[in-house]
Amino acid sequence: MKPKIKTGISAIMIIGWIFAGLGSVFLIMGILFLTQSGKEEAFKMLGLIFGGTGLFFFLIGVIFLILHYNNKSSLKKIVDNGYYIMAEISNIDMNYNVNVNGRCLM
């Protein structure tokens, strides 16, 4: 029996894609403003603001994506190289002092 690995979309991956996407849009806008900076000084300031913000968001997004894929690969490595320990359950003690929804816990 081969164990299954969770391959769904995680919150870190969603945040990473959002940050990287927004960062790339702001970075492109900053570059466009910097190319127009010869005409006015305001374009240069806007280019630096948008470019700096875009670079920051893009780097944060890439870091989140790298963390997600490193975690996923390490989990796959653990599952592939792991081994099972087969055991027989001999006894279960009931704890009658703890009661949840009318049932005692094990």
C-alpha atoms as a PDB file:
ATOM      1  CA  MET A   1       0.000   0.000   0.000  1.00  0.00           C
ATOM      2  CA  LYS A   2       1.594   3.231  -1.155  1.00  0.00           C
ATOM      3  CA  PRO A   3       0.895   6.327   0.976  1.00  0.00           C
ATOM      4  CA  LYS A   4      -0.677   9.336  -0.674  1.00  0.00           C
ATOM      5  CA  ILE A   5       0.901  12.767  -0.600  1.00  0.00           C
ATOM      6  CA  LYS A   6      -1.222  15.899  -0.331  1.00  0.00           C
ATOM      7  CA  THR A   7      -0.764  17.661  -3.658  1.00  0.00           C
ATOM      8  CA  GLY A   8      -3.503  20.252  -3.336  1.00  0.00           C
ATOM      9  CA  ILE A   9      -3.064  23.975  -3.538  1.00  0.00           C
ATOM     10  CA  SER A  10      -1.743  25.413  -0.292  1.00  0.00           C
ATOM     11  CA  ALA A  11      -2.189  28.905   1.108  1.00  0.00           C
ATOM     12  CA  ILE A  12       1.543  29.597   0.778  1.00  0.00           C
ATOM     13  CA  MET A  13       1.356  28.801  -2.940  1.00  0.00           C
ATOM     14  CA  ILE A  14      -1.660  31.065  -3.490  1.00  0.00           C
ATOM     15  CA  ILE A  15      -0.012  33.925  -1.601  1.00  0.00           C
ATOM     16  CA  GLY A  16       3.206  33.377  -3.534  1.00  0.00           C
ATOM     17  CA  TRP A  17       1.460  33.550  -6.922  1.00  0.00           C
ATOM     18  CA  ILE A  18      -0.524  36.656  -5.916  1.00  0.00           C
ATOM     19  CA  PHE A  19       2.557  38.476  -4.613  1.00  0.00           C
ATOM     20  CA  ALA A  20       4.684  37.474  -7.611  1.00  0.00           C
ATOM     21  CA  GLY A  21       1.966  38.544 -10.050  1.00  0.00           C
ATOM     22  CA  LEU A  22       1.330  41.897  -8.415  1.00  0.00           C
ATOM     23  CA  GLY A  23       5.051  42.468  -8.020  1.00  0.00           C
ATOM     24  CA  SER A  24       5.713  41.813 -11.684  1.00  0.00           C
ATOM     25  CA  VAL A  25       2.915  44.214 -12.712  1.00  0.00           C
ATOM     26  CA  PHE A  26       4.280  46.972 -10.459  1.00  0.00           C
ATOM     27  CA  LEU A  27       7.833  46.258 -11.609  1.00  0.00           C
ATOM     28  CA  ILE A  28       6.816  46.585 -15.271  1.00  0.00           C
ATOM     29  CA  MET A  29       4.988  49.826 -14.490  1.00  0.00           C
ATOM     30  CA  GLY A  30       8.077  51.133 -12.711  1.00  0.00           C
ATOM     31  CA  ILE A  31      10.274  50.277 -15.684  1.00  0.00           C
ATOM     32  CA  LEU A  32       7.821  51.999 -18.029  1.00  0.00           C
ATOM     33  CA  PHE A  33       7.815  55.134 -15.861  1.00  0.00           C
ATOM     34  CA  LEU A  34      11.620  55.109 -15.737  1.00  0.00           C
ATOM     35  CA  THR A  35      11.839  54.918 -19.532  1.00  0.00           C
ATOM     36  CA  GLN A  36       9.649  58.047 -19.703  1.00  0.00           C
ATOM     37  CA  SER A  37      11.714  59.858 -17.048  1.00  0.00           C
ATOM     38  CA  GLY A  38      13.559  61.956 -19.634  1.00  0.00           C
ATOM     39  CA  LYS A  39      10.448  64.085 -20.106  1.00  0.00           C
ATOM     40  CA  GLU A  40       9.601  64.922 -16.502  1.00  0.00           C
ATOM     41  CA  GLU A  41      11.068  64.419 -13.046  1.00  0.00           C
ATOM     42  CA  ALA A  42       7.730  63.091 -11.729  1.00  0.00           C
ATOM     43  CA  PHE A  43       8.013  60.032 -13.976  1.00  0.00           C
ATOM     44  CA  LYS A  44      11.399  59.211 -12.458  1.00  0.00           C
ATOM     45  CA  MET A  45       9.987  59.364  -8.919  1.00  0.00           C
ATOM     46  CA  LEU A  46       6.966  57.259  -9.906  1.00  0.00           C
ATOM     47  CA  GLY A  47       9.272  54.771 -11.595  1.00  0.00           C
ATOM     48  CA  LEU A  48      11.370  54.389  -8.476  1.00  0.00           C
ATOM     49  CA  ILE A  49       8.316  54.007  -6.231  1.00  0.00           C
ATOM     50  CA  PHE A  50       6.521  51.512  -8.458  1.00  0.00           C
ATOM     51  CA  GLY A  51       9.724  49.650  -9.323  1.00  0.00           C
ATOM     52  CA  GLY A  52      10.841  49.356  -5.703  1.00  0.00           C
ATOM     53  CA  THR A  53       7.424  48.223  -4.522  1.00  0.00           C
ATOM     54  CA  GLY A  54       7.151  45.789  -7.407  1.00  0.00           C
ATOM     55  CA  LEU A  55      10.581  44.327  -6.742  1.00  0.00           C
ATOM     56  CA  PHE A  56       9.754  43.888  -3.047  1.00  0.00           C
ATOM     57  CA  PHE A  57       6.441  42.134  -3.759  1.00  0.00           C
ATOM     58  CA  PHE A  58       7.979  39.993  -6.498  1.00  0.00           C
ATOM     59  CA  LEU A  59      10.800  38.810  -4.215  1.00  0.00           C
ATOM     60  CA  ILE A  60       8.364  37.987  -1.391  1.00  0.00           C
ATOM     61  CA  GLY A  61       6.207  36.000  -3.834  1.00  0.00           C
ATOM     62  CA  VAL A  62       9.204  34.074  -5.171  1.00  0.00           C
ATOM     63  CA  ILE A  63      10.336  33.285  -1.612  1.00  0.00           C
ATOM     64  CA  PHE A  64       6.862  31.917  -0.776  1.00  0.00           C
ATOM     65  CA  LEU A  65       6.856  29.779  -3.933  1.00  0.00           C
ATOM     66  CA  ILE A  66      10.337  28.424  -3.172  1.00  0.00           C
ATOM     67  CA  LEU A  67       9.224  27.545   0.376  1.00  0.00           C
ATOM     68  CA  HIS A  68       6.151  25.753  -0.967  1.00  0.00           C
ATOM     69  CA  TYR A  69       8.066  23.669  -3.509  1.00  0.00           C
ATOM     70  CA  ASN A  70      10.876  22.848  -1.046  1.00  0.00           C
ATOM     71  CA  ASN A  71       8.299  21.667   1.512  1.00  0.00           C
ATOM     72  CA  LYS A  72       6.543  19.596  -1.144  1.00  0.00           C
ATOM     73  CA  SER A  73       9.771  17.967  -2.335  1.00  0.00           C
ATOM     74  CA  SER A  74      10.932  17.190   1.201  1.00  0.00           C
ATOM     75  CA  LEU A  75       7.562  15.615   2.000  1.00  0.00           C
ATOM     76  CA  LYS A  76       7.808  13.478  -1.140  1.00  0.00           C
ATOM     77  CA  LYS A  77      11.344  12.432  -0.180  1.00  0.00           C
ATOM     78  CA  ILE A  78      10.218  11.442   3.319  1.00  0.00           C
ATOM     79  CA  VAL A  79       7.303   9.375   2.015  1.00  0.00           C
ATOM     80  CA  ASP A  80       9.414   7.673  -0.679  1.00  0.00           C
ATOM     81  CA  ASN A  81      12.290   6.774   1.672  1.00  0.00           C
ATOM     82  CA  GLY A  82      10.195   5.942   4.730  1.00  0.00           C
ATOM     83  CA  TYR A  83       9.151   2.527   5.957  1.00  0.00           C
ATOM     84  CA  TYR A  84       6.187   1.022   7.740  1.00  0.00           C
ATOM     85  CA  ILE A  85       6.192  -0.485  11.196  1.00  0.00           C
ATOM     86  CA  MET A  86       3.562  -3.166  11.502  1.00  0.00           C
ATOM     87  CA  ALA A  87       2.268  -3.589  15.032  1.00  0.00           C
ATOM     88  CA  GLU A  88      -0.578  -5.293  16.789  1.00  0.00           C
ATOM     89  CA  ILE A  89      -2.720  -3.208  19.146  1.00  0.00           C
ATOM     90  CA  SER A  90      -2.876  -5.054  22.435  1.00  0.00           C
ATOM     91  CA  ASN A  91      -4.836  -2.743  24.735  1.00  0.00           C
ATOM     92  CA  ILE A  92      -6.680   0.589  24.768  1.00  0.00           C
ATOM     93  CA  ASP A  93      -7.347   2.286  28.092  1.00  0.00           C
ATOM     94  CA  MET A  94     -10.471   4.422  28.331  1.00  0.00           C
ATOM     95  CA  ASN A  95     -10.178   7.717  30.197  1.00  0.00           C
ATOM     96  CA  TYR A  96     -13.557   8.183  31.891  1.00  0.00           C
ATOM     97  CA  ASN A  97     -12.537  11.544  33.387  1.00  0.00           C
ATOM     98  CA  VAL A  98     -12.556  13.310  30.002  1.00  0.00           C
ATOM     99  CA  ASN A  99     -15.895  13.508  28.238  1.00  0.00           C
ATOM    100  CA  VAL A 100     -16.483  15.148  24.807  1.00  0.00           C
ATOM    101  CA  ASN A 101     -19.977  15.207  23.278  1.00  0.00           C
ATOM    102  CA  GLY A 102     -21.114  12.526  25.690  1.00  0.00           C
ATOM    103  CA  ARG A 103     -18.321  10.105  24.745  1.00  0.00           C
ATOM    104  CA  CYS A 104     -15.255   9.151  26.760  1.00  0.00           C
ATOM    105  CA  LEU A 105     -11.855   9.554  25.134  1.00  0.00           C
ATOM    106  CA  MET A 106      -9.276   6.847  24.686  1.00  0.00           C
END
